[in-house]
Protein backbone atom coordinates (compact mmCIF):
# COMPACT_ATOMS: atom_id res chain seq x y z
CA MET A 1 -14.55 -4.95 -34.36
CA THR A 2 -12.12 -7.29 -36.06
CA THR A 3 -12.91 -10.88 -36.92
CA TRP A 4 -10.55 -12.07 -34.16
CA GLU A 5 -12.30 -9.94 -31.54
CA SER A 6 -15.76 -11.11 -32.51
CA ARG A 7 -14.69 -14.74 -32.65
CA PHE A 8 -12.96 -14.85 -29.23
CA ARG A 9 -14.74 -12.22 -27.15
CA HIS A 10 -17.64 -14.39 -25.99
CA PRO A 11 -15.57 -17.50 -25.10
CA ILE A 12 -13.15 -15.35 -23.09
CA VAL A 13 -16.00 -13.69 -21.19
CA ILE A 14 -17.61 -17.08 -20.54
CA ALA A 15 -14.30 -18.56 -19.35
CA GLY A 16 -13.80 -15.60 -17.01
CA LEU A 17 -17.29 -15.98 -15.56
CA CYS A 18 -16.76 -19.73 -15.09
CA LEU A 19 -13.48 -19.08 -13.28
CA ALA A 20 -15.11 -16.50 -11.00
CA LEU A 21 -18.00 -18.85 -10.23
CA GLY A 22 -15.56 -21.69 -9.53
CA LEU A 23 -13.61 -19.54 -7.07
CA VAL A 24 -16.79 -18.50 -5.25
CA LEU A 25 -17.96 -22.12 -5.01
CA ALA A 26 -14.54 -23.28 -3.78
CA HIS A 27 -14.57 -20.61 -1.07
CA GLN A 28 -18.13 -21.49 -0.03
CA SER A 29 -17.16 -25.16 0.25
CA GLY A 30 -14.39 -24.30 2.72
CA LEU A 31 -11.37 -24.41 0.42
CA ARG A 32 -8.63 -21.91 1.21
CA PHE A 33 -5.40 -21.23 -0.66
CA ASN A 34 -2.21 -20.56 1.29
CA THR A 35 0.36 -18.35 -0.45
CA THR A 36 2.63 -17.72 2.56
CA ARG A 37 5.61 -19.72 3.80
CA SER A 38 4.22 -20.13 7.34
CA ILE A 39 2.79 -23.51 6.40
CA PRO A 40 3.27 -25.47 3.17
CA LEU A 41 1.98 -23.66 0.10
CA GLY A 42 -1.19 -25.03 -1.38
CA LEU A 43 -4.88 -25.73 -1.05
CA TYR A 44 -6.49 -26.41 2.36
CA LYS A 45 -9.98 -27.45 3.43
CA MET A 46 -11.72 -26.10 6.51
CA SER A 47 -12.95 -28.64 9.06
CA ASN A 48 -15.03 -28.47 12.23
CA HIS A 49 -13.04 -31.23 13.95
CA PRO A 50 -11.58 -30.42 17.39
CA ILE A 51 -8.21 -28.68 17.26
CA ALA A 52 -5.13 -30.47 18.62
CA LYS A 53 -1.38 -29.97 18.67
CA GLY A 54 0.11 -30.46 15.23
CA ASP A 55 -2.98 -29.19 13.40
CA TYR A 56 -3.04 -26.26 11.01
CA VAL A 57 -5.54 -23.52 11.79
CA LEU A 58 -7.10 -20.54 10.06
CA TRP A 59 -7.43 -17.67 12.52
CA CYS A 60 -8.13 -13.97 12.91
CA PRO A 61 -5.50 -11.95 14.76
CA PRO A 62 -6.90 -10.00 17.72
CA LYS A 63 -6.96 -6.20 17.54
CA ARG A 64 -3.60 -5.44 19.18
CA PRO A 65 -0.67 -3.11 18.42
CA GLU A 66 1.65 -5.92 17.27
CA PHE A 67 -0.87 -6.88 14.59
CA ASP A 68 -1.39 -3.24 13.58
CA LEU A 69 2.37 -3.13 13.02
CA ALA A 70 2.30 -6.44 11.12
CA LYS A 71 -0.43 -5.17 8.81
CA GLU A 72 1.32 -1.83 8.29
CA ARG A 73 4.56 -3.60 7.33
CA GLY A 74 2.89 -6.20 5.13
CA TYR A 75 3.56 -9.25 7.31
CA ILE A 76 -0.19 -9.89 7.24
CA GLY A 77 -2.69 -8.74 4.66
CA ALA A 78 -5.84 -6.71 4.94
CA GLY A 79 -9.07 -8.60 5.32
CA PHE A 80 -12.33 -9.08 7.17
CA CYS A 81 -11.04 -9.83 10.67
CA ALA A 82 -11.32 -7.24 13.47
CA GLY A 83 -8.91 -4.39 12.83
CA GLY A 84 -9.14 -5.01 9.10
CA TYR A 85 -6.62 -7.85 9.34
CA GLY A 86 -6.58 -10.78 6.96
CA TYR A 87 -6.79 -14.38 8.09
CA MET A 88 -3.56 -16.11 9.11
CA MET A 89 -2.64 -19.79 8.84
CA LYS A 90 -0.31 -21.37 11.38
CA LYS A 91 0.45 -24.69 13.02
CA VAL A 92 -0.59 -25.40 16.61
CA LEU A 93 2.68 -26.23 18.39
CA ALA A 94 1.41 -26.10 21.97
CA ALA A 95 -1.97 -26.29 23.72
CA HIS A 96 -3.59 -26.77 27.15
CA ASN A 97 -1.12 -27.60 29.97
CA ASP A 98 1.96 -27.34 27.76
CA VAL A 99 4.77 -25.36 29.39
CA VAL A 100 6.06 -22.67 27.05
CA SER A 101 9.07 -20.37 27.18
CA VAL A 102 10.01 -17.82 24.53
CA THR A 103 13.62 -16.78 25.06
CA ASP A 104 16.39 -15.17 23.05
CA GLU A 105 17.57 -18.71 22.23
CA GLY A 106 14.21 -19.87 20.88
CA VAL A 107 10.83 -21.33 21.78
CA ILE A 108 10.87 -24.12 24.35
CA ILE A 109 7.83 -26.38 24.72
CA ASN A 110 7.79 -28.86 27.61
CA GLY A 111 11.56 -28.58 27.93
CA THR A 112 12.33 -29.11 24.23
CA ILE A 113 13.61 -26.26 22.09
CA ILE A 114 11.87 -25.96 18.73
CA PRO A 115 14.40 -25.99 15.84
CA ALA A 116 14.86 -22.65 14.02
CA SER A 117 12.65 -20.84 16.55
CA GLN A 118 15.11 -18.19 17.72
CA PRO A 119 13.32 -14.82 17.54
CA PHE A 120 14.83 -12.18 15.29
CA GLU A 121 15.40 -8.68 16.64
CA ALA A 122 14.65 -7.10 13.25
CA ASP A 123 12.83 -8.01 10.05
CA SER A 124 14.57 -8.50 6.70
CA MET A 125 14.50 -4.71 6.15
CA GLY A 126 16.21 -3.99 9.47
CA ARG A 127 13.08 -2.74 11.28
CA PRO A 128 12.74 -3.82 14.93
CA LEU A 129 10.29 -6.63 15.63
CA PRO A 130 8.05 -6.90 18.72
CA GLN A 131 9.78 -8.94 21.40
CA PHE A 132 7.48 -11.31 23.31
CA ARG A 133 9.26 -13.17 26.10
CA VAL A 134 7.87 -15.56 28.69
CA THR A 135 9.33 -18.25 30.95
CA ASP A 136 7.56 -21.46 31.95
CA HIS A 137 4.07 -20.26 31.03
CA VAL A 138 1.52 -23.08 31.39
CA LEU A 139 -1.02 -22.67 28.60
CA ALA A 140 -4.61 -22.39 29.74
CA ALA A 141 -7.36 -24.41 28.04
CA SER A 142 -8.23 -21.25 26.09
CA GLU A 143 -4.69 -20.68 24.75
CA LEU A 144 -2.79 -22.01 21.74
CA LEU A 145 0.78 -21.37 20.62
CA LEU A 146 0.67 -20.79 16.85
CA MET A 147 3.88 -20.90 14.86
CA SER A 148 5.55 -21.97 11.69
CA ASP A 149 7.76 -25.01 11.98
CA THR A 150 8.98 -24.57 8.40
CA ASN A 151 9.91 -20.87 8.14
CA SER A 152 12.24 -19.26 10.66
CA ARG A 153 11.23 -15.77 9.38
CA SER A 154 7.50 -16.30 9.96
CA TYR A 155 5.60 -13.70 11.99
CA ASP A 156 4.32 -15.99 14.72
CA ALA A 157 4.00 -16.54 18.50
CA ARG A 158 7.62 -15.47 19.03
CA TYR A 159 6.42 -11.92 18.40
CA PHE A 160 2.85 -11.91 19.78
CA GLY A 161 2.55 -14.78 22.28
CA PRO A 162 -0.25 -17.32 22.77
CA VAL A 163 -3.58 -16.79 20.98
CA HIS A 164 -7.02 -17.27 22.52
CA ARG A 165 -9.03 -20.12 20.98
CA ALA A 166 -11.87 -17.66 20.30
CA HIS A 167 -9.76 -16.25 17.43
CA ILE A 168 -9.56 -19.61 15.65
CA GLN A 169 -11.90 -19.75 12.67
CA SER A 170 -11.29 -23.35 11.70
CA LEU A 171 -8.96 -26.30 11.66
CA ILE A 172 -7.63 -26.67 8.12
CA TYR A 173 -6.10 -29.71 6.51
CA PRO A 174 -4.01 -29.89 3.33
CA VAL A 175 -5.72 -30.99 0.14
CA LEU A 176 -2.86 -30.27 -2.26
CA THR A 177 0.47 -28.79 -1.14
CA TRP A 178 3.91 -28.32 -2.61
């Protein structure tokens, strides 16, 4: 072992262990890091407050073919949700009693079209995307419409429809975003 190795080996190991411990503690305290463009990039904190329109949520996709396809294609990661899916983070754009339409022109909520919500027929590699369409669907108390309002290419409700509240893990709020 060289002098350099003996001098720096222990501090590097200690720094690595401290980093690992810090990540575990951050996760246990409800901190989550978003690396996708569905919501602003950054650090979020889980909260048990009631969920309302405009909130960000952390949720587990239900075991359905459109999520199998999303996982296979890399739109969503692998994780600990049913079906081996990873958690997703989206914004709640519509909730109980909102009237929702998903058309070729875009998503319409209570008569207002959401900017940049026109569904794509294919992904960026030319592969066909699932096509969810509905007209004037009144959301039940158990349903939420989860989408990105910042990324027109996001895999969201345009392709899988409303999500049952039972799949929501937590409301999340931004701590540090960029």
